[in-house]
């Protein structure tokens, strides 16, 4: 069997300029876990997976949370203590 015999006829791709959110939407909309990235000439330049996208989005969330906790909105430092019962 040759590769041509089992290739998909409808290919979904992304570009290096697409954001993690864009990639996630394309993968979800097409129910795929990995996608090929093509350059502006249509040549393959890489692959992206759900794990890649998750890491990209997670790092953005961590940076945003870090920014919001680094600069408190009020001058008071508030701590919450939990005690076990």
N, C-alpha and C. Protein backbone atom coordinates (compact mmCIF):
# COMPACT_ATOMS: atom_id res chain seq x y z
N UNK A 1 0.86 -1.18 0.00
CA UNK A 1 0.00 0.00 0.00
C UNK A 1 0.90 1.24 0.00
N UNK A 2 0.53 2.20 -0.79
CA UNK A 2 1.25 3.47 -0.84
C UNK A 2 0.49 4.51 -0.02
N UNK A 3 1.21 5.52 0.45
CA UNK A 3 0.61 6.57 1.26
C UNK A 3 -0.58 7.21 0.54
N UNK A 4 -0.48 7.38 -0.74
CA UNK A 4 -1.54 8.02 -1.51
C UNK A 4 -2.87 7.28 -1.39
N UNK A 5 -2.80 5.99 -1.09
CA UNK A 5 -4.02 5.19 -0.99
C UNK A 5 -4.79 5.42 0.31
N UNK A 6 -4.14 5.99 1.32
CA UNK A 6 -4.82 6.19 2.60
C UNK A 6 -4.81 7.64 3.07
N UNK A 7 -4.45 8.56 2.19
CA UNK A 7 -4.46 9.97 2.54
C UNK A 7 -5.87 10.52 2.59
N UNK A 8 -6.07 11.50 3.42
CA UNK A 8 -7.37 12.19 3.48
C UNK A 8 -7.54 13.03 2.23
N UNK A 9 -8.75 13.06 1.73
CA UNK A 9 -9.00 13.88 0.54
C UNK A 9 -9.31 15.33 0.92
N UNK A 10 -9.81 15.53 2.11
CA UNK A 10 -10.11 16.88 2.60
C UNK A 10 -9.16 17.17 3.76
N UNK A 11 -8.24 18.09 3.54
CA UNK A 11 -7.21 18.37 4.53
C UNK A 11 -7.48 19.70 5.22
N UNK A 12 -7.37 19.70 6.54
CA UNK A 12 -7.55 20.90 7.34
C UNK A 12 -6.16 21.34 7.78
N UNK A 13 -5.83 22.60 7.53
CA UNK A 13 -4.50 23.10 7.90
C UNK A 13 -4.60 24.40 8.68
N UNK A 14 -3.49 24.75 9.30
CA UNK A 14 -3.35 26.03 9.97
C UNK A 14 -2.08 26.68 9.42
N UNK A 15 -1.86 27.93 9.79
CA UNK A 15 -0.63 28.61 9.39
C UNK A 15 0.16 28.99 10.63
N UNK A 16 1.45 29.28 10.48
CA UNK A 16 2.24 29.69 11.64
C UNK A 16 1.73 30.96 12.30
N UNK A 17 0.93 31.74 11.59
CA UNK A 17 0.38 32.99 12.14
C UNK A 17 -0.86 32.78 12.98
N UNK A 18 -1.46 31.59 12.93
CA UNK A 18 -2.68 31.32 13.70
C UNK A 18 -2.36 31.27 15.20
N UNK A 19 -3.27 31.77 16.00
CA UNK A 19 -3.10 31.74 17.46
C UNK A 19 -3.46 30.36 18.01
N UNK A 20 -3.10 30.14 19.26
CA UNK A 20 -3.50 28.90 19.93
C UNK A 20 -5.01 28.76 19.97
N UNK A 21 -5.71 29.86 20.18
CA UNK A 21 -7.18 29.84 20.19
C UNK A 21 -7.72 29.45 18.82
N UNK A 22 -7.12 29.99 17.76
CA UNK A 22 -7.54 29.65 16.39
C UNK A 22 -7.33 28.16 16.13
N UNK A 23 -6.16 27.65 16.52
CA UNK A 23 -5.86 26.23 16.31
C UNK A 23 -6.86 25.35 17.06
N UNK A 24 -7.14 25.74 18.29
CA UNK A 24 -8.07 24.98 19.11
C UNK A 24 -9.45 24.93 18.46
N UNK A 25 -9.90 26.05 17.94
CA UNK A 25 -11.21 26.11 17.28
C UNK A 25 -11.23 25.23 16.03
N UNK A 26 -10.19 25.32 15.21
CA UNK A 26 -10.12 24.50 13.99
C UNK A 26 -10.16 23.02 14.34
N UNK A 27 -9.38 22.63 15.36
CA UNK A 27 -9.34 21.22 15.75
C UNK A 27 -10.69 20.76 16.31
N UNK A 28 -11.31 21.59 17.13
CA UNK A 28 -12.62 21.23 17.70
C UNK A 28 -13.69 21.15 16.62
N UNK A 29 -13.71 22.14 15.75
CA UNK A 29 -14.72 22.17 14.68
C UNK A 29 -14.61 20.97 13.75
N UNK A 30 -13.38 20.49 13.55
CA UNK A 30 -13.16 19.38 12.62
C UNK A 30 -12.93 18.05 13.32
N UNK A 31 -13.05 18.06 14.65
CA UNK A 31 -12.88 16.85 15.47
C UNK A 31 -11.57 16.13 15.15
N UNK A 32 -10.47 16.90 15.18
CA UNK A 32 -9.14 16.34 14.95
C UNK A 32 -8.24 16.66 16.14
N UNK A 33 -7.24 15.83 16.37
CA UNK A 33 -6.32 16.03 17.50
C UNK A 33 -4.99 16.62 17.06
N UNK A 34 -4.70 16.54 15.79
CA UNK A 34 -3.46 17.08 15.24
C UNK A 34 -3.75 17.72 13.89
N UNK A 35 -2.98 18.73 13.57
CA UNK A 35 -3.18 19.38 12.28
C UNK A 35 -1.86 19.79 11.67
N UNK A 36 -1.84 19.82 10.37
CA UNK A 36 -0.64 20.25 9.66
C UNK A 36 -0.60 21.76 9.54
N UNK A 37 0.58 22.29 9.69
CA UNK A 37 0.78 23.73 9.51
C UNK A 37 1.45 23.93 8.15
N UNK A 38 0.91 24.85 7.37
CA UNK A 38 1.47 25.14 6.06
C UNK A 38 1.90 26.60 5.99
N UNK A 39 2.98 26.83 5.24
CA UNK A 39 3.45 28.20 5.07
C UNK A 39 2.62 28.90 4.00
N UNK A 40 2.98 30.13 3.68
CA UNK A 40 2.18 30.92 2.74
C UNK A 40 2.25 30.41 1.30
N UNK A 41 3.21 29.53 1.03
CA UNK A 41 3.28 28.91 -0.30
C UNK A 41 2.57 27.56 -0.32
N UNK A 42 2.01 27.14 0.82
CA UNK A 42 1.29 25.87 0.89
C UNK A 42 2.15 24.68 1.24
N UNK A 43 3.42 24.93 1.55
CA UNK A 43 4.32 23.84 1.93
C UNK A 43 4.20 23.51 3.40
N UNK A 44 4.34 22.24 3.72
CA UNK A 44 4.25 21.81 5.12
C UNK A 44 5.42 22.39 5.92
N UNK A 45 5.11 22.99 7.05
CA UNK A 45 6.17 23.55 7.89
C UNK A 45 6.09 23.05 9.33
N UNK A 46 5.15 22.13 9.62
CA UNK A 46 5.08 21.57 10.95
C UNK A 46 3.74 20.93 11.26
N UNK A 47 3.65 20.44 12.48
CA UNK A 47 2.43 19.83 12.99
C UNK A 47 2.09 20.48 14.32
N UNK A 48 0.82 20.57 14.61
CA UNK A 48 0.38 21.07 15.91
C UNK A 48 -0.58 20.05 16.49
N UNK A 49 -0.48 19.85 17.80
CA UNK A 49 -1.34 18.88 18.47
C UNK A 49 -2.16 19.56 19.55
N UNK A 50 -3.12 18.84 20.09
CA UNK A 50 -3.92 19.37 21.20
C UNK A 50 -3.01 19.75 22.37
N UNK A 51 -1.98 18.95 22.61
CA UNK A 51 -1.06 19.25 23.72
C UNK A 51 -0.36 20.57 23.49
N UNK A 52 0.09 20.84 22.24
CA UNK A 52 0.73 22.12 21.94
C UNK A 52 -0.20 23.28 22.23
N UNK A 53 -1.43 23.15 21.80
CA UNK A 53 -2.41 24.21 21.97
C UNK A 53 -2.72 24.41 23.46
N UNK A 54 -2.88 23.31 24.18
CA UNK A 54 -3.17 23.39 25.61
C UNK A 54 -2.05 24.11 26.35
N UNK A 55 -0.81 23.78 26.02
CA UNK A 55 0.33 24.45 26.66
C UNK A 55 0.35 25.94 26.34
N UNK A 56 0.04 26.30 25.11
CA UNK A 56 0.00 27.71 24.72
C UNK A 56 -1.07 28.46 25.49
N UNK A 57 -2.26 27.92 25.53
CA UNK A 57 -3.37 28.58 26.22
C UNK A 57 -3.12 28.61 27.73
N UNK A 58 -2.59 27.50 28.29
CA UNK A 58 -2.31 27.45 29.73
C UNK A 58 -1.29 28.49 30.13
N UNK A 59 -0.25 28.66 29.33
CA UNK A 59 0.78 29.64 29.68
C UNK A 59 0.21 31.05 29.65
N UNK A 60 -0.73 31.33 28.73
CA UNK A 60 -1.36 32.64 28.69
C UNK A 60 -2.20 32.87 29.95
N UNK A 61 -2.91 31.85 30.38
CA UNK A 61 -3.73 31.95 31.60
C UNK A 61 -2.84 32.20 32.80
N UNK A 62 -1.75 31.46 32.90
CA UNK A 62 -0.82 31.63 34.03
C UNK A 62 -0.26 33.04 34.04
N UNK A 63 0.14 33.56 32.87
CA UNK A 63 0.68 34.92 32.80
C UNK A 63 -0.38 35.93 33.23
N UNK A 64 -1.62 35.74 32.80
CA UNK A 64 -2.68 36.68 33.15
C UNK A 64 -2.97 36.65 34.65
N UNK A 65 -3.03 35.46 35.22
CA UNK A 65 -3.27 35.34 36.66
C UNK A 65 -2.12 35.97 37.42
N UNK A 66 -0.91 35.72 36.95
CA UNK A 66 0.27 36.28 37.61
C UNK A 66 0.23 37.81 37.57
N UNK A 67 -0.12 38.37 36.43
CA UNK A 67 -0.22 39.83 36.31
C UNK A 67 -1.27 40.39 37.26
N UNK A 68 -2.41 39.73 37.35
CA UNK A 68 -3.50 40.25 38.17
C UNK A 68 -3.18 40.14 39.66
N UNK A 69 -2.37 39.17 40.05
CA UNK A 69 -2.04 39.05 41.47
C UNK A 69 -0.79 39.85 41.84
N UNK A 70 0.02 40.24 40.86
CA UNK A 70 1.21 41.04 41.14
C UNK A 70 0.88 42.48 41.48
N UNK A 71 -0.22 42.98 40.96
CA UNK A 71 -0.58 44.37 41.22
C UNK A 71 -1.97 44.40 41.87
N UNK A 72 -2.01 44.38 43.20
CA UNK A 72 -3.30 44.35 43.89
C UNK A 72 -4.14 45.60 43.58
N UNK A 73 -5.44 45.40 43.53
CA UNK A 73 -6.35 46.50 43.22
C UNK A 73 -6.64 47.36 44.46
N UNK A 74 -6.39 46.83 45.63
CA UNK A 74 -6.60 47.62 46.84
C UNK A 74 -5.31 47.58 47.65
N UNK A 75 -5.08 48.59 48.48
CA UNK A 75 -3.83 48.65 49.24
C UNK A 75 -3.73 47.60 50.34
N UNK A 76 -4.82 46.95 50.66
CA UNK A 76 -4.81 45.96 51.74
C UNK A 76 -4.40 44.60 51.22
N UNK A 77 -3.54 43.93 51.94
CA UNK A 77 -3.22 42.54 51.65
C UNK A 77 -4.20 41.69 52.43
N UNK A 78 -4.96 40.89 51.76
CA UNK A 78 -5.94 40.06 52.42
C UNK A 78 -5.53 38.62 52.31
N UNK A 79 -5.61 37.90 53.39
CA UNK A 79 -5.32 36.47 53.39
C UNK A 79 -6.54 35.73 53.88
N UNK A 80 -6.72 34.54 53.37
CA UNK A 80 -7.83 33.70 53.77
C UNK A 80 -7.23 32.47 54.43
N UNK A 81 -7.71 32.17 55.62
CA UNK A 81 -7.23 31.01 56.34
C UNK A 81 -8.36 30.00 56.46
N UNK A 82 -8.07 28.77 56.18
CA UNK A 82 -9.04 27.70 56.33
C UNK A 82 -8.61 26.82 57.49
N UNK A 83 -9.56 26.45 58.30
CA UNK A 83 -9.24 25.51 59.38
C UNK A 83 -10.04 24.24 59.18
N UNK A 84 -9.40 23.13 59.43
CA UNK A 84 -10.08 21.84 59.28
C UNK A 84 -11.01 21.59 60.44
N UNK A 85 -12.06 20.85 60.20
CA UNK A 85 -12.99 20.52 61.29
C UNK A 85 -12.99 19.05 61.55
